[in-house]
Amino acid sequence: MSQTASPDLLKKSGLAKKLVVANWKMHGNLEKNKVLLAQYIAALSGLKQTKIVVCAPYPYLAQLQQLLQHTNISWGAQNIAKNAEGAYTGEVSAAMLKDFGCEYVIVGHSERATAYCESDENIAQKFVQAKQHGLTPILCVGETLIEREAGLMELVIGKQLDTIIAQHGAAIFADSIISYEPIWAIGTGLAATPIQAQAMHKFIRNKIASIDKEAASRLKILYGGSINPQNALQLLVVSNVDGGLVGKCSLEAQGFEKICAAADMAN
């Protein structure tokens, strides 16, 4: 589904730096992580225009804190509890993530929302927990293939955003991150075209701006969904695409480095 971006798509969103987030999902062990992070540090230390974040499974947050704390790479978690504390066996709170130096947390990834039946309301609560505890939430939104083919993508994503806006207003999106991840593209190798990405990112920013222009100007919108070294540059130069959320390709240092280099070039 590759497609060259037309000149009108090659405009910057105006935000300072691109952001590339590695989502390791349920991968890794102590030894493999150590090697991969060392490769990240060596390859990415020279990037000046791109912010790098690694989101790892909970057990490895202490390792990330130890190995990344004096580097240009930040770290975060892949999920967060919707409650601050209490009798919620197996949950991990925002305050616990802060204990391990986390700055970021992924919220509402479709793999979790589907497997664990997370509602838009639950995801909204997690988003707010992150904000209240000084974490930057990376809110994942996206549509299924059936929804896209029916032309419902804006309706679906608008509903996800409206759940948060209705409870807390649009101002909460200032200094936050939204990742547009078409569910039909995640793990399939079929990324959105630059035109599709541009349209959805524009829709998201305009929706926030229609209520709060200041919040919209301070919101980063990432693209996720089969971003790889081959399509990274043509996606990252698109208007309103402020970076990428990278899954599979973040597990191999050389490929991830190429995506980050593309982000640096696109800035």
Protein backbone atom coordinates (compact mmCIF):
# COMPACT_ATOMS: atom_id res chain seq x y z
CA MET A 1 0.00 0.00 0.00
CA SER A 2 3.01 2.27 -0.42
CA GLN A 3 2.44 5.62 -2.05
CA THR A 4 4.62 8.66 -2.55
CA ALA A 5 3.47 11.73 -0.69
CA SER A 6 2.48 14.67 -2.87
CA PRO A 7 4.10 18.07 -2.22
CA ASP A 8 1.13 19.36 -0.24
CA LEU A 9 1.62 16.54 2.25
CA LEU A 10 5.24 17.45 2.96
CA LYS A 11 4.46 20.24 5.38
CA LYS A 12 5.59 20.22 8.98
CA SER A 13 3.09 20.31 11.82
CA GLY A 14 5.18 22.97 13.57
CA LEU A 15 6.05 20.91 16.63
CA ALA A 16 9.68 20.98 17.67
CA LYS A 17 10.95 17.40 17.44
CA LYS A 18 9.77 14.16 15.95
CA LEU A 19 9.03 11.41 18.48
CA VAL A 20 9.69 7.72 17.84
CA VAL A 21 8.38 5.23 20.40
CA ALA A 22 9.50 1.60 20.54
CA ASN A 23 6.71 -0.69 21.73
CA TRP A 24 8.35 -4.01 22.62
CA LYS A 25 4.96 -5.61 23.36
CA MET A 26 5.43 -8.99 25.13
CA HIS A 27 8.99 -9.56 23.99
CA GLY A 28 12.38 -9.59 25.65
CA ASN A 29 14.46 -10.97 28.48
CA LEU A 30 17.22 -9.45 30.58
CA GLU A 31 20.08 -10.52 28.34
CA LYS A 32 18.39 -9.69 25.02
CA ASN A 33 17.24 -6.34 26.37
CA LYS A 34 20.76 -5.47 27.50
CA VAL A 35 22.17 -6.15 24.03
CA LEU A 36 19.35 -4.33 22.22
CA LEU A 37 19.54 -1.26 24.46
CA ALA A 38 23.31 -1.07 24.02
CA GLN A 39 22.77 -1.10 20.26
CA TYR A 40 20.09 1.60 20.59
CA ILE A 41 22.41 3.81 22.63
CA ALA A 42 25.31 3.43 20.20
CA ALA A 43 23.20 4.03 17.09
CA LEU A 44 20.87 6.79 18.28
CA SER A 45 23.07 9.01 20.44
CA GLY A 46 23.81 11.34 17.53
CA LEU A 47 20.21 12.16 16.66
CA LYS A 48 19.46 15.84 17.28
CA GLN A 49 15.94 16.33 15.94
CA THR A 50 14.23 13.19 17.23
CA LYS A 51 13.12 12.13 20.70
CA ILE A 52 13.34 8.37 21.38
CA VAL A 53 11.21 6.46 23.89
CA VAL A 54 11.20 2.74 24.75
CA CYS A 55 8.02 1.20 26.21
CA ALA A 56 8.76 -2.21 27.73
CA PRO A 57 6.89 -4.86 29.74
CA TYR A 58 6.59 -4.05 33.46
CA PRO A 59 9.30 -6.49 34.68
CA TYR A 60 11.97 -4.69 32.65
CA LEU A 61 11.29 -1.10 33.71
CA ALA A 62 14.03 -1.27 36.37
CA GLN A 63 16.47 -2.46 33.71
CA LEU A 64 15.51 0.42 31.42
CA GLN A 65 15.95 2.86 34.29
CA GLN A 66 19.40 1.48 35.02
CA LEU A 67 20.66 1.41 31.44
CA LEU A 68 18.98 4.49 29.94
CA GLN A 69 19.05 7.07 32.74
CA HIS A 70 22.19 8.82 31.46
CA THR A 71 21.33 8.64 27.76
CA ASN A 72 19.15 10.58 25.32
CA ILE A 73 16.53 7.78 25.37
CA SER A 74 13.48 7.96 27.65
CA TRP A 75 11.31 5.05 28.73
CA GLY A 76 7.79 4.12 29.69
CA ALA A 77 5.24 1.35 30.14
CA GLN A 78 2.69 -0.30 27.88
CA ASN A 79 -0.31 -0.02 30.18
CA ILE A 80 -1.52 1.60 33.39
CA ALA A 81 -4.24 0.95 35.96
CA LYS A 82 -7.36 3.10 35.81
CA ASN A 83 -7.24 3.49 39.62
CA ALA A 84 -4.64 5.25 41.75
CA GLU A 85 -4.37 2.39 44.29
CA GLY A 86 -6.44 -0.24 46.05
CA ALA A 87 -7.47 -3.88 45.97
CA TYR A 88 -6.82 -4.43 42.27
CA THR A 89 -4.70 -7.56 42.11
CA GLY A 90 -2.31 -7.63 39.16
CA GLU A 91 -2.67 -3.93 38.30
CA VAL A 92 0.16 -1.39 38.18
CA SER A 93 -0.52 2.21 39.14
CA ALA A 94 0.83 5.46 37.74
CA ALA A 95 2.74 6.12 40.97
CA MET A 96 4.45 2.74 40.65
CA LEU A 97 5.55 3.60 37.12
CA LYS A 98 6.97 6.88 38.39
CA ASP A 99 9.08 4.94 40.91
CA PHE A 100 10.97 3.48 37.96
CA GLY A 101 11.53 6.78 36.20
CA CYS A 102 8.85 6.31 33.55
CA GLU A 103 7.89 9.43 31.63
CA TYR A 104 5.48 7.84 29.16
CA VAL A 105 2.76 5.19 29.08
CA ILE A 106 0.81 3.65 26.23
CA VAL A 107 -2.95 3.79 26.80
CA GLY A 108 -5.66 1.92 24.92
CA HIS A 109 -3.57 -0.06 22.45
CA SER A 110 -5.97 -2.08 20.30
CA GLU A 111 -4.27 -5.37 21.19
CA ARG A 112 -5.16 -4.77 24.82
CA ALA A 113 -8.54 -3.22 24.15
CA THR A 114 -9.55 -6.26 22.10
CA ALA A 115 -8.05 -9.01 24.25
CA TYR A 116 -9.18 -7.54 27.58
CA CYS A 117 -12.43 -5.88 26.48
CA GLU A 118 -11.37 -2.38 27.48
CA SER A 119 -14.10 0.19 26.93
CA ASP A 120 -13.54 3.77 25.80
CA GLU A 121 -14.51 4.79 29.35
CA ASN A 122 -11.81 2.61 30.92
CA ILE A 123 -9.22 3.93 28.51
CA ALA A 124 -10.28 7.50 29.33
CA GLN A 125 -9.75 6.80 33.03
CA LYS A 126 -6.26 5.46 32.34
CA PHE A 127 -5.45 8.53 30.25
CA VAL A 128 -6.46 10.80 33.13
CA GLN A 129 -4.49 8.75 35.68
CA ALA A 130 -1.38 9.25 33.59
CA LYS A 131 -1.93 13.01 33.33
CA GLN A 132 -2.66 13.41 37.03
CA HIS A 133 0.62 11.70 37.94
CA GLY A 134 2.86 13.58 35.54
CA LEU A 135 3.16 10.85 32.93
CA THR A 136 2.70 11.56 29.24
CA PRO A 137 -0.01 9.27 27.86
CA ILE A 138 0.28 7.84 24.37
CA LEU A 139 -3.38 7.31 23.51
CA CYS A 140 -3.92 4.79 20.71
CA VAL A 141 -6.90 5.29 18.42
CA GLY A 142 -7.85 3.53 15.22
CA GLU A 143 -10.45 1.72 13.16
CA THR A 144 -10.93 -1.84 11.92
CA LEU A 145 -10.86 -2.75 8.24
CA ILE A 146 -14.65 -3.14 8.21
CA GLU A 147 -15.07 0.32 9.73
CA ARG A 148 -12.68 1.86 7.18
CA GLU A 149 -14.37 0.17 4.24
CA ALA A 150 -17.69 1.49 5.53
CA GLY A 151 -16.25 5.01 5.78
CA LEU A 152 -16.72 5.11 9.55
CA MET A 153 -13.12 5.82 10.60
CA GLU A 154 -13.74 9.42 11.67
CA LEU A 155 -16.88 8.42 13.57
CA VAL A 156 -15.00 5.65 15.42
CA ILE A 157 -11.99 7.77 16.34
CA GLY A 158 -14.16 10.77 17.16
CA LYS A 159 -16.06 8.64 19.67
CA GLN A 160 -12.82 7.57 21.33
CA LEU A 161 -11.75 11.19 21.73
CA ASP A 162 -15.22 12.40 22.74
CA THR A 163 -15.24 10.05 25.74
CA ILE A 164 -12.24 11.89 27.17
CA ILE A 165 -13.41 15.35 26.10
CA ALA A 166 -16.85 14.87 27.65
CA GLN A 167 -15.36 14.04 31.03
CA HIS A 168 -12.32 16.32 31.16
CA GLY A 169 -12.43 18.81 28.29
CA ALA A 170 -10.09 19.14 25.32
CA ALA A 171 -7.44 21.01 27.32
CA ILE A 172 -6.26 17.69 28.76
CA PHE A 173 -4.75 16.87 25.35
CA ALA A 174 -2.13 19.62 25.71
CA ASP A 175 1.33 18.04 26.04
CA SER A 176 -0.19 14.62 25.40
CA ILE A 177 0.31 12.17 22.55
CA ILE A 178 -2.21 10.44 20.31
CA SER A 179 -1.08 7.56 18.11
CA TYR A 180 -3.23 6.85 15.08
CA GLU A 181 -3.01 3.09 14.62
CA PRO A 182 -5.36 1.68 11.99
CA ILE A 183 -6.17 -1.72 13.48
CA TRP A 184 -6.14 -3.29 10.02
CA ALA A 185 -2.47 -2.30 9.64
CA ILE A 186 -1.06 -3.47 12.98
CA GLY A 187 1.25 -6.42 12.43
CA THR A 188 -0.02 -7.01 8.88
CA GLY A 189 2.72 -5.25 6.94
CA LEU A 190 0.05 -3.12 5.24
CA ALA A 191 0.62 0.43 6.42
CA ALA A 192 -1.70 3.32 5.69
CA THR A 193 -0.75 5.42 2.68
CA PRO A 194 0.61 8.92 3.28
CA ILE A 195 -2.73 10.30 2.05
CA GLN A 196 -4.71 8.12 4.49
CA ALA A 197 -2.39 9.05 7.38
CA GLN A 198 -2.55 12.74 6.52
CA ALA A 199 -6.34 12.73 6.44
CA MET A 200 -6.73 11.00 9.79
CA HIS A 201 -4.05 13.03 11.57
CA LYS A 202 -5.62 16.23 10.24
CA PHE A 203 -9.03 15.06 11.46
CA ILE A 204 -7.68 14.35 14.95
CA ARG A 205 -5.90 17.71 15.30
CA ASN A 206 -8.82 19.66 13.86
CA LYS A 207 -11.25 17.95 16.23
CA ILE A 208 -9.20 19.03 19.25
CA ALA A 209 -8.58 22.48 17.75
CA SER A 210 -12.31 23.05 17.23
CA ILE A 211 -12.63 23.05 21.02
CA ASP A 212 -9.20 24.15 22.24
CA LYS A 213 -6.67 25.53 19.74
CA GLU A 214 -3.91 25.80 22.36
CA ALA A 215 -4.25 22.12 23.31
CA ALA A 216 -4.20 21.11 19.65
CA SER A 217 -1.00 23.08 19.06
CA ARG A 218 0.69 21.24 21.96
CA LEU A 219 -0.50 17.77 20.95
CA LYS A 220 1.78 15.29 19.19
CA ILE A 221 0.12 12.82 16.82
CA LEU A 222 2.11 9.70 15.92
CA TYR A 223 1.49 7.13 13.23
CA GLY A 224 1.57 3.44 14.15
CA GLY A 225 0.62 0.35 12.21
CA SER A 226 3.34 -1.51 10.29
CA ILE A 227 5.74 1.43 10.10
CA ASN A 228 9.08 0.08 8.88
CA PRO A 229 12.39 1.26 7.38
CA GLN A 230 10.93 1.15 3.87
CA ASN A 231 7.88 3.37 4.48
CA ALA A 232 9.04 5.46 7.45
CA LEU A 233 10.26 8.54 5.58
CA GLN A 234 7.21 8.89 3.32
CA LEU A 235 4.94 8.66 6.37
CA LEU A 236 6.99 10.85 8.71
CA VAL A 237 7.22 13.80 6.32
CA VAL A 238 3.44 14.03 6.08
CA SER A 239 1.65 17.03 7.56
CA ASN A 240 0.58 16.50 11.19
CA VAL A 241 2.57 13.26 11.55
CA ASP A 242 4.81 14.07 14.49
CA GLY A 243 6.51 10.69 14.76
CA GLY A 244 5.85 6.98 14.95
CA LEU A 245 4.88 4.20 17.34
CA VAL A 246 6.97 1.22 16.25
CA GLY A 247 6.18 -2.38 17.18
CA LYS A 248 7.90 -5.29 15.45
CA CYS A 249 10.67 -3.21 13.90
CA SER A 250 11.75 -1.91 17.31
CA LEU A 251 12.94 -5.41 18.28
CA GLU A 252 15.84 -5.23 15.84
CA ALA A 253 18.29 -2.38 16.30
CA GLN A 254 19.25 -1.81 12.68
CA GLY A 255 15.68 -1.45 11.46
CA PHE A 256 14.71 0.76 14.38
CA GLU A 257 17.75 2.95 13.77
CA LYS A 258 16.66 3.48 10.15
CA ILE A 259 13.18 4.55 11.26
CA CYS A 260 14.66 7.00 13.77
CA ALA A 261 17.06 8.34 11.14
CA ALA A 262 14.09 8.86 8.82
CA ALA A 263 12.34 10.83 11.57
CA ASP A 264 15.46 12.97 12.03
CA MET A 265 15.60 13.61 8.28
CA ALA A 266 11.88 14.44 8.13
CA ASN A 267 12.10 17.07 10.86
